[in-house]
Amino acid sequence: MKLVCPLYRPLWFLMLLGAGSLLLLVHLQDLTEMVLQQNPGVNSLEAPRWPVEKDDDVVTGQTLVKLKDSESLLVLEDAVGYKPPVTKRHRKLLLKNPAGGEEELHLQQQLAETLASRRRLLTDVCAKYRPGVTEQLVSRRQLSRVFVEDRSRLLYCEVPKAGCSNWKRVLMVLGGSATSTRDIPHDAAHYGNHLRRLESYDRTGTAERLRSYTKVLFVREPFERLVSAFRDKFESPNSYYHPVFGRPIISRYRANATHTALRTGAGVTFREFVQYLLDVRRPVGMDIHWEPISQLCNPCLLRYNFIGKFESLKEEANFLLQNIGAPRNLTFPDFKDRNPRAERTSSRITQSYFSQLNATERQKAFDFYYMDYLMFNYPKPFTDLH
């Protein structure tokens, strides 16, 4: 029997160890690729794939996500039990007022966990109902509602009737075009804000901002948002919505309409408005004030980092501002500059408007906004809905 010289044993051992390490490395690489394929929401090192045929398409939904530094509470990990770090501001509060500092830190931790939960829910709903959407190309039209604030590295999708006027004021102050939100009139916020939309950037600029900026979306209970839009556009004088929407709505859905109503478009009822909304052959197109957020802001495709709710708008907006390093004197405004004397649309007011509809009409309206209810975890507003 041939014996192996003891001098060669270390060499054989090193060769076997190297081969085993190589096999382990290949296996780990395969596991990593498999995880990335099964979890499209996690960060990928794959560069954006640019289209070669359609000029309207600018970037795929699968983009890199750059997390903020460790001092930011916006590093909202999806891991169970995540707690935001204690920032320098919290340390000062704890030194000055231990009880108050602890309470505020606890509230911010709760809010961070709530925000992370919203993101997880949205990811789950998108995976179930819109699988593969992150691999689709993003068109310029889909980016047309997204405003850019480069100084604070924010992308904000405009959702009318969910605090968008005040958000534009905040973006103007952050960008340096205004010093105070109080000094910005309504028309200046909407028509003279000088804010750039994401669609205005070239492909490289668009991709970089989608990759590294904080993407912000604020939503609202769908029926409440719809009633708010109706009250604003049809129950108050309006030189645009009455002739452009009111006249065709009255003409199509009102029997024996008066000449005055047909001429002015004023006096549209809530039922007529809902009939227009649910009509697949509606006489005038959709409008951003009542378009579902799931279509308006494309949350499955753009994958927002921060999903806030109108129902807790000021608290969550200030949480965001604090953690992007906004000036201390900048807080989210809560004034109402459109029809300031009118009561804000509430759940009670919404219920009263929808009580004008029958059960079938309410169900169809709920079906129209079903994805918004599902994505953003709003309960059914009526018990007879299914």
Protein backbone atom coordinates (compact mmCIF):
# COMPACT_ATOMS: atom_id res chain seq x y z
CA MET A 1 0.00 0.00 0.00
CA LYS A 2 1.34 3.37 -1.03
CA LEU A 3 1.70 5.87 1.83
CA VAL A 4 1.24 9.64 1.45
CA CYS A 5 4.26 11.57 2.55
CA PRO A 6 3.49 13.72 5.61
CA LEU A 7 4.99 16.74 3.83
CA TYR A 8 2.12 16.74 1.31
CA ARG A 9 -0.73 16.52 3.81
CA PRO A 10 -0.96 20.30 4.45
CA LEU A 11 -1.03 20.92 0.69
CA TRP A 12 -3.92 18.46 0.15
CA PHE A 13 -5.79 19.99 3.11
CA LEU A 14 -5.45 23.52 1.72
CA MET A 15 -6.63 22.40 -1.73
CA LEU A 16 -9.73 20.73 -0.25
CA LEU A 17 -10.44 23.78 1.93
CA GLY A 18 -10.19 26.12 -1.07
CA ALA A 19 -12.54 23.97 -3.16
CA GLY A 20 -15.08 23.86 -0.33
CA SER A 21 -14.95 27.64 0.11
CA LEU A 22 -15.52 28.14 -3.61
CA LEU A 23 -18.58 25.87 -3.56
CA LEU A 24 -19.94 27.73 -0.49
CA LEU A 25 -19.42 31.11 -2.19
CA VAL A 26 -21.30 29.99 -5.32
CA HIS A 27 -24.13 28.63 -3.18
CA LEU A 28 -24.44 31.88 -1.24
CA GLN A 29 -24.48 33.88 -4.47
CA ASP A 30 -27.31 31.69 -5.80
CA LEU A 31 -29.24 32.18 -2.56
CA THR A 32 -28.78 35.95 -2.78
CA GLU A 33 -30.08 36.07 -6.34
CA MET A 34 -33.04 33.91 -5.38
CA VAL A 35 -33.94 36.22 -2.46
CA LEU A 36 -33.74 39.30 -4.66
CA GLN A 37 -36.01 37.68 -7.23
CA GLN A 38 -38.56 36.66 -4.60
CA ASN A 39 -38.45 40.00 -2.76
CA PRO A 40 -38.55 42.81 -5.31
CA GLY A 41 -38.86 45.41 -2.56
CA VAL A 42 -35.34 44.92 -1.25
CA ASN A 43 -32.32 46.77 -2.55
CA SER A 44 -30.79 45.41 -5.70
CA LEU A 45 -27.42 46.18 -7.18
CA GLU A 46 -28.85 45.91 -10.68
CA ALA A 47 -28.58 49.16 -12.64
CA PRO A 48 -31.79 50.60 -14.15
CA ARG A 49 -32.59 49.13 -17.56
CA TRP A 50 -33.25 51.95 -19.99
CA PRO A 51 -35.82 51.53 -22.75
CA VAL A 52 -34.67 51.67 -26.34
CA GLU A 53 -37.91 52.24 -28.22
CA LYS A 54 -40.37 54.56 -26.43
CA ASP A 55 -39.24 58.08 -25.65
CA ASP A 56 -42.07 58.42 -23.13
CA ASP A 57 -40.61 55.71 -20.90
CA VAL A 58 -37.89 56.93 -18.59
CA VAL A 59 -36.94 54.28 -16.04
CA THR A 60 -38.00 50.95 -14.63
CA GLY A 61 -39.75 50.72 -11.31
CA GLN A 62 -36.92 48.56 -9.97
CA THR A 63 -34.56 51.28 -8.74
CA LEU A 64 -31.93 51.46 -6.05
CA VAL A 65 -33.01 52.79 -2.68
CA LYS A 66 -30.45 54.78 -0.73
CA LEU A 67 -31.20 54.80 2.98
CA LYS A 68 -30.58 57.84 5.12
CA ASP A 69 -27.77 58.01 7.66
CA SER A 70 -28.11 56.29 11.01
CA GLU A 71 -29.22 59.47 12.79
CA SER A 72 -32.41 59.62 10.74
CA LEU A 73 -35.63 58.04 11.94
CA LEU A 74 -36.50 57.50 8.30
CA VAL A 75 -34.34 54.40 8.20
CA LEU A 76 -37.53 52.43 8.65
CA GLU A 77 -36.43 48.83 8.51
CA ASP A 78 -39.13 46.23 7.98
CA ALA A 79 -37.62 43.94 10.59
CA VAL A 80 -39.86 43.21 13.55
CA GLY A 81 -38.85 45.06 16.68
CA TYR A 82 -37.07 47.92 14.89
CA LYS A 83 -36.62 51.00 17.08
CA PRO A 84 -35.40 54.36 15.78
CA PRO A 85 -32.05 55.56 17.09
CA VAL A 86 -31.78 58.19 19.81
CA THR A 87 -30.81 61.40 18.04
CA LYS A 88 -28.88 64.35 19.47
CA ARG A 89 -32.15 66.22 19.86
CA HIS A 90 -33.60 63.40 21.92
CA ARG A 91 -30.51 63.30 24.12
CA LYS A 92 -30.96 67.01 24.90
CA LEU A 93 -34.63 66.48 25.70
CA LEU A 94 -33.79 63.58 27.98
CA LEU A 95 -31.26 65.73 29.85
CA LYS A 96 -33.66 68.67 30.26
CA ASN A 97 -36.84 66.69 30.87
CA PRO A 98 -36.35 62.93 31.23
CA ALA A 99 -40.07 62.14 31.40
CA GLY A 100 -41.00 64.35 28.44
CA GLY A 101 -38.05 63.19 26.38
CA GLU A 102 -38.87 59.54 27.00
CA GLU A 103 -42.51 60.12 26.06
CA GLU A 104 -41.65 61.90 22.81
CA LEU A 105 -39.11 59.23 21.87
CA HIS A 106 -41.72 56.54 22.52
CA LEU A 107 -44.28 58.36 20.34
CA GLN A 108 -41.75 58.71 17.53
CA GLN A 109 -40.88 55.03 17.78
CA GLN A 110 -44.56 54.14 17.53
CA LEU A 111 -44.98 56.38 14.50
CA ALA A 112 -41.91 54.87 12.83
CA GLU A 113 -43.33 51.39 13.35
CA THR A 114 -46.71 52.53 11.96
CA LEU A 115 -45.03 53.90 8.84
CA ALA A 116 -43.08 50.68 8.37
CA SER A 117 -46.31 48.69 8.74
CA ARG A 118 -47.98 50.78 6.02
CA ARG A 119 -45.11 50.08 3.67
CA ARG A 120 -45.27 46.36 4.35
CA LEU A 121 -49.02 46.31 3.71
CA LEU A 122 -48.61 48.20 0.44
CA THR A 123 -45.86 45.78 -0.65
CA ASP A 124 -48.11 42.80 0.11
CA VAL A 125 -51.12 44.26 -1.71
CA CYS A 126 -49.02 45.15 -4.75
CA ALA A 127 -47.46 41.67 -4.84
CA LYS A 128 -50.92 40.08 -4.73
CA TYR A 129 -52.88 42.31 -7.08
CA ARG A 130 -50.22 43.79 -9.33
CA PRO A 131 -47.42 41.24 -9.54
CA GLY A 132 -44.42 42.21 -11.62
CA VAL A 133 -45.35 45.88 -11.66
CA THR A 134 -41.89 46.91 -10.41
CA GLU A 135 -40.42 45.57 -13.64
CA GLN A 136 -42.62 47.82 -15.77
CA LEU A 137 -41.36 51.00 -17.36
CA VAL A 138 -42.28 54.28 -15.73
CA SER A 139 -43.71 56.82 -18.15
CA ARG A 140 -43.42 60.58 -17.91
CA ARG A 141 -47.17 60.75 -17.41
CA GLN A 142 -46.81 58.60 -14.29
CA LEU A 143 -44.22 61.05 -12.96
CA SER A 144 -46.25 64.15 -13.78
CA ARG A 145 -47.81 64.42 -10.30
CA VAL A 146 -44.50 64.10 -8.44
CA PHE A 147 -42.84 67.33 -7.26
CA VAL A 148 -39.12 67.56 -6.57
CA GLU A 149 -37.33 69.45 -3.80
CA ASP A 150 -33.61 68.99 -4.39
CA ARG A 151 -32.27 70.70 -1.27
CA SER A 152 -34.02 68.26 1.05
CA ARG A 153 -33.93 65.41 -1.48
CA LEU A 154 -37.69 64.94 -1.42
CA LEU A 155 -40.15 63.63 -3.99
CA TYR A 156 -43.77 64.43 -3.14
CA CYS A 157 -46.75 63.08 -5.07
CA GLU A 158 -49.53 65.63 -5.19
CA VAL A 159 -52.85 64.23 -3.92
CA PRO A 160 -55.57 66.90 -4.12
CA LYS A 161 -57.81 67.12 -1.04
CA ALA A 162 -55.13 65.50 1.12
CA GLY A 163 -53.19 68.58 2.17
CA CYS A 164 -51.44 69.24 -1.14
CA SER A 165 -51.75 73.05 -0.99
CA ASN A 166 -49.89 73.20 2.30
CA TRP A 167 -47.37 70.63 1.14
CA LYS A 168 -46.53 72.84 -1.83
CA ARG A 169 -46.03 75.74 0.57
CA VAL A 170 -43.66 73.63 2.64
CA LEU A 171 -41.70 72.61 -0.46
CA MET A 172 -41.40 76.26 -1.47
CA VAL A 173 -39.92 77.16 1.92
CA LEU A 174 -37.57 74.17 1.83
CA GLY A 175 -36.42 75.20 -1.64
CA GLY A 176 -35.77 78.82 -0.65
CA SER A 177 -38.41 80.49 -2.83
CA ALA A 178 -40.39 81.59 0.26
CA THR A 179 -39.52 82.30 3.88
CA SER A 180 -42.82 81.38 5.52
CA THR A 181 -45.78 79.22 4.58
CA ARG A 182 -48.09 81.92 5.92
CA ASP A 183 -46.93 84.35 3.22
CA ILE A 184 -47.95 82.10 0.30
CA PRO A 185 -51.48 82.66 -1.09
CA HIS A 186 -53.45 79.76 -2.54
CA ASP A 187 -52.89 80.72 -6.18
CA ALA A 188 -49.18 81.25 -5.61
CA ALA A 189 -48.91 77.79 -4.03
CA HIS A 190 -50.53 76.13 -7.03
CA TYR A 191 -49.63 78.29 -10.00
CA GLY A 192 -46.53 80.24 -9.00
CA ASN A 193 -44.62 77.77 -6.89
CA HIS A 194 -41.72 77.25 -9.35
CA LEU A 195 -41.51 73.64 -8.19
CA ARG A 196 -40.19 71.17 -10.71
CA ARG A 197 -41.98 67.97 -11.55
CA LEU A 198 -40.08 64.73 -11.84
CA GLU A 199 -41.11 64.35 -15.48
CA SER A 200 -39.07 67.47 -16.36
CA TYR A 201 -35.70 65.79 -15.68
CA ASP A 202 -33.76 63.72 -18.17
CA ARG A 203 -33.49 59.97 -17.75
CA THR A 204 -30.36 60.09 -15.66
CA GLY A 205 -31.72 62.79 -13.36
CA THR A 206 -35.03 60.98 -12.97
CA ALA A 207 -33.38 57.66 -12.14
CA GLU A 208 -31.00 59.22 -9.62
CA ARG A 209 -33.83 60.97 -7.77
CA LEU A 210 -36.00 57.86 -7.72
CA ARG A 211 -33.02 55.95 -6.39
CA SER A 212 -31.81 58.25 -3.65
CA TYR A 213 -34.55 60.73 -2.63
CA THR A 214 -37.21 60.19 0.03
CA LYS A 215 -40.48 59.51 -1.81
CA VAL A 216 -43.47 60.94 0.07
CA LEU A 217 -47.16 60.16 -0.32
CA PHE A 218 -50.05 61.38 1.85
CA VAL A 219 -53.42 59.64 1.44
CA ARG A 220 -56.96 60.20 2.71
CA GLU A 221 -60.07 58.10 3.34
CA PRO A 222 -61.43 57.74 -0.24
CA PHE A 223 -65.10 58.62 0.33
CA GLU A 224 -64.12 61.58 2.50
CA ARG A 225 -61.71 62.82 -0.16
CA LEU A 226 -64.44 62.47 -2.80
CA VAL A 227 -66.96 64.48 -0.77
CA SER A 228 -64.34 67.13 -0.05
CA ALA A 229 -63.67 67.48 -3.78
CA PHE A 230 -67.39 67.70 -4.59
CA ARG A 231 -68.03 70.38 -1.97
CA ASP A 232 -65.04 72.42 -3.13
CA LYS A 233 -65.64 72.23 -6.88
CA PHE A 234 -69.43 72.12 -7.19
CA GLU A 235 -70.95 73.75 -4.11
CA SER A 236 -68.84 76.91 -4.34
CA PRO A 237 -68.55 79.30 -7.29
CA ASN A 238 -65.98 77.95 -9.71
CA SER A 239 -65.23 79.38 -13.14
CA TYR A 240 -63.65 76.16 -14.37
CA TYR A 241 -65.47 73.16 -12.86
CA HIS A 242 -68.99 74.48 -13.33
CA PRO A 243 -68.77 74.98 -17.11
CA VAL A 244 -66.27 72.20 -17.88
CA PHE A 245 -67.75 69.47 -15.67
CA GLY A 246 -71.07 70.81 -14.42
CA ARG A 247 -72.71 71.46 -17.79
CA PRO A 248 -72.08 68.01 -19.30
CA ILE A 249 -73.01 66.29 -16.01
CA ILE A 250 -76.35 68.13 -15.79
CA SER A 251 -77.02 67.61 -19.48
CA ARG A 252 -76.50 63.85 -19.25
CA TYR A 253 -77.95 62.91 -15.86
CA ARG A 254 -80.70 65.46 -15.12
CA ALA A 255 -84.10 65.10 -16.68
CA ASN A 256 -85.84 68.36 -17.62
CA ALA A 257 -82.83 70.51 -16.74
CA THR A 258 -83.45 74.24 -16.88
CA HIS A 259 -81.78 76.45 -19.48
CA THR A 260 -79.94 78.25 -16.69
CA ALA A 261 -78.50 75.02 -15.30
CA LEU A 262 -77.46 73.85 -18.76
CA ARG A 263 -75.86 77.22 -19.47
CA THR A 264 -73.96 77.70 -16.19
CA GLY A 265 -73.34 74.15 -14.98
CA ALA A 266 -74.07 75.27 -11.42
CA GLY A 267 -76.05 73.19 -8.95
CA VAL A 268 -74.76 69.69 -9.69
CA THR A 269 -76.11 67.30 -7.05
CA PHE A 270 -73.98 64.72 -5.29
CA ARG A 271 -75.93 61.86 -6.88
CA GLU A 272 -75.41 63.34 -10.36
CA PHE A 273 -71.72 63.69 -9.60
CA VAL A 274 -71.47 60.03 -8.52
CA GLN A 275 -73.39 58.96 -11.64
CA TYR A 276 -70.78 60.74 -13.73
CA LEU A 277 -67.94 59.18 -11.73
CA LEU A 278 -69.21 55.62 -12.22
CA ASP A 279 -70.19 56.00 -15.88
CA VAL A 280 -67.77 54.09 -18.12
CA ARG A 281 -68.83 56.47 -20.89
CA ARG A 282 -68.66 59.59 -18.76
CA PRO A 283 -69.25 62.76 -20.81
CA VAL A 284 -66.11 64.47 -19.49
CA GLY A 285 -62.82 62.94 -18.43
CA MET A 286 -61.35 62.06 -15.05
CA ASP A 287 -59.92 64.76 -12.80
CA ILE A 288 -57.05 64.54 -10.32
CA HIS A 289 -59.26 65.73 -7.45
CA TRP A 290 -61.22 62.47 -7.45
CA GLU A 291 -58.94 60.09 -9.35
CA PRO A 292 -58.01 57.09 -7.14
CA ILE A 293 -54.61 57.52 -5.51
CA SER A 294 -53.66 54.03 -6.66
CA GLN A 295 -53.76 55.42 -10.22
CA LEU A 296 -52.76 59.02 -9.57
CA CYS A 297 -49.48 58.30 -7.74
CA ASN A 298 -48.72 54.73 -8.86
CA PRO A 299 -47.62 53.50 -5.41
CA CYS A 300 -46.87 49.94 -6.54
CA LEU A 301 -44.48 51.22 -9.18
CA LEU A 302 -42.79 54.10 -7.36
CA ARG A 303 -42.64 52.42 -3.92
CA TYR A 304 -42.86 55.40 -1.60
CA ASN A 305 -40.61 55.50 1.47
CA PHE A 306 -43.05 57.57 3.52
CA ILE A 307 -46.81 56.96 3.41
CA GLY A 308 -48.61 59.46 5.61
CA LYS A 309 -52.31 59.90 6.27
CA PHE A 310 -54.42 63.03 6.11
CA GLU A 311 -56.20 61.98 9.29
CA SER A 312 -52.95 62.56 11.22
CA LEU A 313 -51.44 64.98 8.73
CA LYS A 314 -49.78 67.55 10.96
CA GLU A 315 -48.17 65.03 13.31
CA GLU A 316 -46.79 62.84 10.54
CA ALA A 317 -45.74 65.73 8.31
CA ASN A 318 -43.80 67.33 11.18
CA PHE A 319 -42.22 63.94 11.94
CA LEU A 320 -40.98 63.84 8.35
CA LEU A 321 -39.74 67.44 8.39
CA GLN A 322 -37.87 66.90 11.64
CA ASN A 323 -36.06 63.88 10.28
CA ILE A 324 -34.99 65.34 6.95
CA GLY A 325 -33.27 68.21 8.76
CA ALA A 326 -35.79 70.94 7.93
CA PRO A 327 -35.37 74.28 9.72
CA ARG A 328 -36.67 74.17 13.29
CA ASN A 329 -39.09 77.04 12.66
CA LEU A 330 -40.72 75.21 9.73
CA THR A 331 -43.75 73.23 10.82
CA PHE A 332 -46.59 71.95 8.70
CA PRO A 333 -49.34 74.60 8.40
CA ASP A 334 -52.91 73.67 9.29
CA PHE A 335 -54.79 76.68 7.91
CA LYS A 336 -57.62 76.23 5.40
CA ASP A 337 -57.47 78.83 2.66
CA ARG A 338 -60.14 77.38 0.34
CA ASN A 339 -63.62 78.26 1.58
CA PRO A 340 -62.23 79.01 5.06
CA ARG A 341 -65.68 79.53 6.58
CA ALA A 342 -66.92 76.11 5.50
CA GLU A 343 -66.57 73.25 7.95
CA ARG A 344 -63.86 70.76 7.03
CA THR A 345 -65.16 67.58 5.44
CA SER A 346 -65.38 65.00 8.20
CA SER A 347 -66.60 61.44 8.57
CA ARG A 348 -69.96 62.76 9.75
CA ILE A 349 -70.34 65.04 6.72
CA THR A 350 -69.25 62.24 4.40
CA GLN A 351 -71.87 59.91 5.84
CA SER A 352 -74.58 62.51 5.24
CA TYR A 353 -73.65 62.89 1.57
CA PHE A 354 -73.47 59.16 0.91
CA SER A 355 -76.83 58.68 2.63
CA GLN A 356 -78.29 60.40 -0.46
CA LEU A 357 -77.31 57.31 -2.49
CA ASN A 358 -78.91 53.90 -2.46
CA ALA A 359 -77.02 50.76 -1.43
CA THR A 360 -76.17 49.81 -5.02
CA GLU A 361 -74.67 53.22 -5.77
CA ARG A 362 -72.62 53.14 -2.57
CA GLN A 363 -71.31 49.68 -3.43
CA LYS A 364 -70.28 50.80 -6.92
CA ALA A 365 -68.51 53.84 -5.47
CA PHE A 366 -66.70 51.57 -3.00
CA ASP A 367 -65.67 49.27 -5.86
CA PHE A 368 -64.34 52.30 -7.73
CA TYR A 369 -62.00 53.13 -4.83
CA TYR A 370 -61.45 49.55 -3.69
CA MET A 371 -57.68 49.52 -4.29
CA ASP A 372 -57.26 52.72 -2.27
CA TYR A 373 -59.15 51.16 0.63
CA LEU A 374 -57.04 48.02 0.37
CA MET A 375 -53.60 49.60 -0.14
CA PHE A 376 -53.92 52.15 2.65
CA ASN A 377 -55.86 50.07 5.18
CA TYR A 378 -59.04 52.12 5.47
CA PRO A 379 -62.07 50.26 6.88
CA LYS A 380 -65.32 49.93 4.96
CA PRO A 381 -67.31 53.13 5.55
CA PHE A 382 -70.69 51.32 5.50
CA THR A 383 -71.58 47.97 7.02
CA ASP A 384 -73.59 46.80 3.99
CA LEU A 385 -70.56 47.02 1.67
CA HIS A 386 -68.86 43.86 0.50
